[in-house]
Amino acid sequence: MTTTTPGRAVARILLADDHALVRRGVRLILDNEPDLTVVGEAGDGAEAVALARTTDVDLAVLDIAMPRLTGLQAARELSRLKPDLRILILTMYDNEQYFFEALKAGASGYVLKSVADRDLVEACRAAMRDEPFIYPGAITTLIRRYLDRAREGDPLPARAITDREEEILKLVAEGHTSKEIGDLLVISTKTVERHRANLLQKLGLKDRLELTRYAIRVGLIEP
């Protein structure tokens, strides 16, 4: 972290959200604090991962529903690339499943956009102290349930599809062809088609339209 005055560390933040107005508002909140500064902005999850490779950042603040890669997908990739990078999820979804997925993806905090002006600064500071932050009201219940399940060896809330299938589902729903998806993920068109067939079978769906509707319903893409 950089410093501006003796004893005051400044956290360098990467902000990712596909809405420029949201990014602008969040940046105003963060840059108004002496110990926080936004050093990079991304409009989707893939751009966030690319920026993190080339920019010296301490904390990534990621929206969930973004093009190409969701915030959860980006969090998983960032956790692999930069294990020391702190990650916060900033989302409109007050959803237990997303909360658990965020923790599994490596996030240390989960903040609702509706109260970002109240909670985000505190969440950033907690992350920089390596402390978890979950929006008030959910902390006790959710963390206790998570720890109880982990301690007892019970499975966490199940995901219907694998990480790779989720990547392909998102790209299919965004209108990409199998060849385009293969190029983006560096896999063969045949492999993409096999994953698509598995998705249809697992989810009990018939075609691209139903896959798209499912992707919207689970928050992979916005309607």
Protein backbone atom coordinates (compact mmCIF):
# COMPACT_ATOMS: atom_id res chain seq x y z
CA MET A 1 0.00 0.00 0.00
CA THR A 2 1.12 3.55 -0.67
CA THR A 3 1.25 6.25 2.00
CA THR A 4 0.42 9.94 1.81
CA THR A 5 1.19 10.94 5.39
CA PRO A 6 3.30 9.23 8.05
CA GLY A 7 1.45 6.30 9.54
CA ARG A 8 -1.51 6.47 7.12
CA ALA A 9 -1.63 3.65 4.58
CA VAL A 10 -3.71 4.16 1.45
CA ALA A 11 -5.47 1.11 0.03
CA ARG A 12 -5.37 0.90 -3.78
CA ILE A 13 -8.74 -0.26 -5.06
CA LEU A 14 -9.86 -1.85 -8.33
CA LEU A 15 -13.56 -1.17 -8.98
CA ALA A 16 -15.56 -3.34 -11.40
CA ASP A 17 -19.18 -2.67 -12.40
CA ASP A 18 -20.73 -2.63 -15.85
CA HIS A 19 -22.68 0.58 -15.13
CA ALA A 20 -20.56 3.72 -15.46
CA LEU A 21 -22.91 5.72 -13.22
CA VAL A 22 -22.58 3.16 -10.44
CA ARG A 23 -18.80 3.19 -10.76
CA ARG A 24 -18.80 6.99 -10.60
CA GLY A 25 -20.92 7.03 -7.45
CA VAL A 26 -18.89 4.34 -5.73
CA ARG A 27 -15.65 6.05 -6.69
CA LEU A 28 -16.86 9.30 -5.14
CA ILE A 29 -17.58 7.48 -1.88
CA LEU A 30 -14.17 5.79 -1.80
CA ASP A 31 -11.98 8.62 -3.07
CA ASN A 32 -13.48 10.89 -0.41
CA GLU A 33 -11.68 8.83 2.24
CA PRO A 34 -8.01 9.60 3.02
CA ASP A 35 -7.07 5.94 3.33
CA LEU A 36 -8.84 4.66 0.19
CA THR A 37 -8.19 5.41 -3.49
CA VAL A 38 -9.53 3.89 -6.70
CA VAL A 39 -6.62 3.20 -9.07
CA GLY A 40 -8.50 1.26 -11.76
CA GLU A 41 -12.00 0.77 -13.15
CA ALA A 42 -13.38 -2.14 -15.17
CA GLY A 43 -16.67 -2.57 -16.99
CA ASP A 44 -16.79 -6.37 -16.72
CA GLY A 45 -15.18 -9.25 -14.87
CA ALA A 46 -12.69 -10.15 -17.60
CA GLU A 47 -11.44 -6.56 -17.74
CA ALA A 48 -11.07 -6.59 -13.97
CA VAL A 49 -8.88 -9.70 -14.11
CA ALA A 50 -6.77 -8.18 -16.90
CA LEU A 51 -6.34 -4.92 -14.96
CA ALA A 52 -5.35 -6.77 -11.81
CA ARG A 53 -2.53 -8.42 -13.74
CA THR A 54 -0.99 -5.06 -14.69
CA THR A 55 -2.06 -2.73 -11.86
CA ASP A 56 -0.76 -2.73 -8.30
CA VAL A 57 -3.95 -3.11 -6.27
CA ASP A 58 -4.72 -4.14 -2.68
CA LEU A 59 -8.49 -4.59 -2.92
CA ALA A 60 -10.96 -5.49 -5.68
CA VAL A 61 -14.59 -4.36 -5.35
CA LEU A 62 -16.68 -6.44 -7.77
CA ASP A 63 -20.30 -6.33 -8.88
CA ILE A 64 -21.91 -9.76 -9.41
CA ALA A 65 -23.86 -9.33 -12.66
CA MET A 66 -21.35 -8.24 -15.32
CA PRO A 67 -20.68 -9.23 -18.96
CA ARG A 68 -18.12 -11.87 -19.98
CA LEU A 69 -17.20 -12.82 -16.41
CA THR A 70 -19.45 -12.26 -13.39
CA GLY A 71 -18.01 -10.84 -10.21
CA LEU A 72 -17.99 -14.33 -8.69
CA GLN A 73 -16.13 -15.77 -11.67
CA ALA A 74 -13.66 -12.89 -11.57
CA ALA A 75 -13.21 -13.39 -7.81
CA ARG A 76 -12.28 -17.05 -8.36
CA GLU A 77 -9.75 -16.10 -11.03
CA LEU A 78 -8.31 -13.25 -8.96
CA SER A 79 -7.97 -15.52 -5.93
CA ARG A 80 -5.89 -17.91 -8.05
CA LEU A 81 -3.81 -15.16 -9.64
CA LYS A 82 -3.26 -13.00 -6.57
CA PRO A 83 -3.90 -14.89 -3.32
CA ASP A 84 -3.06 -11.79 -1.23
CA LEU A 85 -5.59 -9.56 -3.02
CA ARG A 86 -8.59 -8.70 -0.84
CA ILE A 87 -11.97 -8.99 -2.57
CA LEU A 88 -15.35 -7.43 -1.78
CA ILE A 89 -18.62 -8.21 -3.56
CA LEU A 90 -20.84 -5.15 -4.04
CA THR A 91 -24.26 -6.27 -5.22
CA MET A 92 -27.96 -5.61 -5.46
CA TYR A 93 -28.68 -9.27 -4.62
CA ASP A 94 -29.72 -9.93 -1.01
CA ASN A 95 -29.29 -13.64 -1.60
CA GLU A 96 -27.92 -16.42 0.63
CA GLN A 97 -26.67 -18.51 -2.29
CA TYR A 98 -24.63 -15.62 -3.67
CA PHE A 99 -23.24 -14.98 -0.21
CA PHE A 100 -21.97 -18.54 0.09
CA GLU A 101 -20.61 -18.48 -3.47
CA ALA A 102 -18.80 -15.22 -2.70
CA LEU A 103 -17.07 -16.76 0.33
CA LYS A 104 -16.09 -19.85 -1.65
CA ALA A 105 -14.77 -17.61 -4.45
CA GLY A 106 -12.41 -15.88 -2.02
CA ALA A 107 -14.33 -12.73 -1.10
CA SER A 108 -13.97 -11.39 2.43
CA GLY A 109 -17.03 -9.15 2.30
CA TYR A 110 -20.50 -8.83 0.82
CA VAL A 111 -22.06 -5.36 0.60
CA LEU A 112 -25.50 -4.41 -0.71
CA LYS A 113 -25.60 -1.54 -3.20
CA SER A 114 -28.71 -0.19 -1.51
CA VAL A 115 -26.64 0.71 1.56
CA ALA A 116 -23.23 1.21 -0.06
CA ASP A 117 -23.06 4.80 1.14
CA ARG A 118 -23.33 3.47 4.71
CA ASP A 119 -21.39 0.21 4.60
CA LEU A 120 -18.82 0.24 1.78
CA VAL A 121 -16.10 2.30 3.44
CA GLU A 122 -16.30 0.20 6.60
CA ALA A 123 -16.22 -2.98 4.48
CA CYS A 124 -13.09 -1.81 2.63
CA ARG A 125 -11.31 -1.04 5.88
CA ALA A 126 -12.35 -4.40 7.35
CA ALA A 127 -11.00 -6.19 4.25
CA MET A 128 -7.68 -4.38 4.56
CA ARG A 129 -7.49 -5.61 8.18
CA ASP A 130 -8.19 -9.14 6.89
CA GLU A 131 -11.52 -9.14 8.66
CA PRO A 132 -14.81 -10.33 7.12
CA PHE A 133 -17.63 -7.90 6.43
CA ILE A 134 -21.20 -8.94 5.72
CA TYR A 135 -24.09 -6.53 5.61
CA PRO A 136 -25.72 -6.04 9.02
CA GLY A 137 -28.56 -8.41 9.74
CA ALA A 138 -27.00 -11.33 7.91
CA ILE A 139 -23.73 -11.68 9.78
CA THR A 140 -24.78 -13.83 12.73
CA THR A 141 -27.11 -16.19 10.89
CA LEU A 142 -25.10 -16.72 7.73
CA ILE A 143 -21.64 -17.09 9.24
CA ARG A 144 -22.90 -19.44 11.95
CA ARG A 145 -24.60 -21.62 9.33
CA TYR A 146 -21.51 -21.61 7.12
CA LEU A 147 -19.18 -22.59 9.98
CA ASP A 148 -21.56 -25.23 11.31
CA ARG A 149 -21.82 -26.87 7.89
CA ALA A 150 -18.06 -26.77 7.37
CA ARG A 151 -17.34 -28.12 10.89
CA GLU A 152 -19.79 -31.00 10.48
CA GLY A 153 -18.55 -31.83 7.01
CA ASP A 154 -21.94 -31.14 5.44
CA PRO A 155 -21.97 -29.85 1.88
CA LEU A 156 -22.49 -26.15 1.37
CA PRO A 157 -25.42 -25.08 -0.82
CA ALA A 158 -24.99 -27.05 -4.02
CA ARG A 159 -24.38 -25.53 -7.41
CA ALA A 160 -26.16 -27.17 -10.28
CA ILE A 161 -23.28 -26.66 -12.73
CA THR A 162 -19.48 -26.53 -12.74
CA ASP A 163 -17.40 -23.36 -13.02
CA ARG A 164 -16.60 -24.12 -16.69
CA GLU A 165 -20.25 -24.81 -17.49
CA GLU A 166 -21.16 -21.52 -15.81
CA GLU A 167 -18.64 -19.67 -17.99
CA ILE A 168 -20.09 -21.26 -21.14
CA LEU A 169 -23.70 -20.71 -20.05
CA LYS A 170 -23.00 -17.00 -19.55
CA LEU A 171 -21.35 -16.61 -22.96
CA VAL A 172 -24.11 -18.58 -24.72
CA ALA A 173 -26.72 -16.37 -23.07
CA GLU A 174 -24.82 -13.28 -24.21
CA GLY A 175 -25.22 -14.47 -27.81
CA HIS A 176 -21.74 -15.80 -28.56
CA THR A 177 -21.37 -18.66 -31.05
CA SER A 178 -19.65 -21.90 -30.10
CA LYS A 179 -16.58 -20.87 -32.11
CA GLU A 180 -16.44 -17.47 -30.37
CA ILE A 181 -16.76 -19.15 -26.98
CA GLY A 182 -14.01 -21.60 -27.86
CA ASP A 183 -11.74 -18.73 -28.88
CA LEU A 184 -12.48 -16.79 -25.66
CA LEU A 185 -11.89 -19.79 -23.39
CA VAL A 186 -9.11 -21.34 -25.51
CA ILE A 187 -10.93 -24.64 -25.97
CA SER A 188 -12.22 -26.42 -29.07
CA THR A 189 -15.64 -25.81 -30.58
CA LYS A 190 -16.38 -29.49 -30.01
CA THR A 191 -15.67 -29.10 -26.29
CA VAL A 192 -17.98 -26.08 -26.15
CA GLU A 193 -20.77 -28.07 -27.82
CA ARG A 194 -20.28 -30.91 -25.34
CA HIS A 195 -20.58 -28.50 -22.42
CA ARG A 196 -23.72 -26.97 -23.97
CA ALA A 197 -25.29 -30.41 -24.29
CA ASN A 198 -24.41 -31.18 -20.66
CA LEU A 199 -25.96 -27.87 -19.55
CA LEU A 200 -29.22 -28.60 -21.35
CA GLN A 201 -29.36 -32.08 -19.84
CA LYS A 202 -28.46 -31.02 -16.28
CA LEU A 203 -30.85 -28.08 -16.21
CA GLY A 204 -33.65 -29.82 -18.10
CA LEU A 205 -33.74 -27.12 -20.77
CA LYS A 206 -34.35 -27.34 -24.52
CA ASP A 207 -32.49 -24.57 -26.33
CA ARG A 208 -30.48 -21.34 -26.20
CA LEU A 209 -33.56 -19.27 -25.32
CA GLU A 210 -34.24 -21.33 -22.21
CA LEU A 211 -30.54 -21.21 -21.29
CA THR A 212 -30.70 -17.43 -21.57
CA ARG A 213 -33.77 -17.24 -19.35
CA TYR A 214 -32.03 -19.44 -16.79
CA ALA A 215 -28.90 -17.25 -16.89
CA ILE A 216 -31.04 -14.16 -16.21
CA ARG A 217 -32.87 -15.90 -13.38
CA VAL A 218 -29.66 -16.86 -11.56
CA GLY A 219 -28.03 -13.46 -12.10
CA LEU A 220 -25.36 -14.40 -14.66
CA ILE A 221 -26.64 -11.74 -17.06
CA GLU A 222 -29.03 -8.83 -16.74
CA PRO A 223 -32.37 -8.85 -18.59
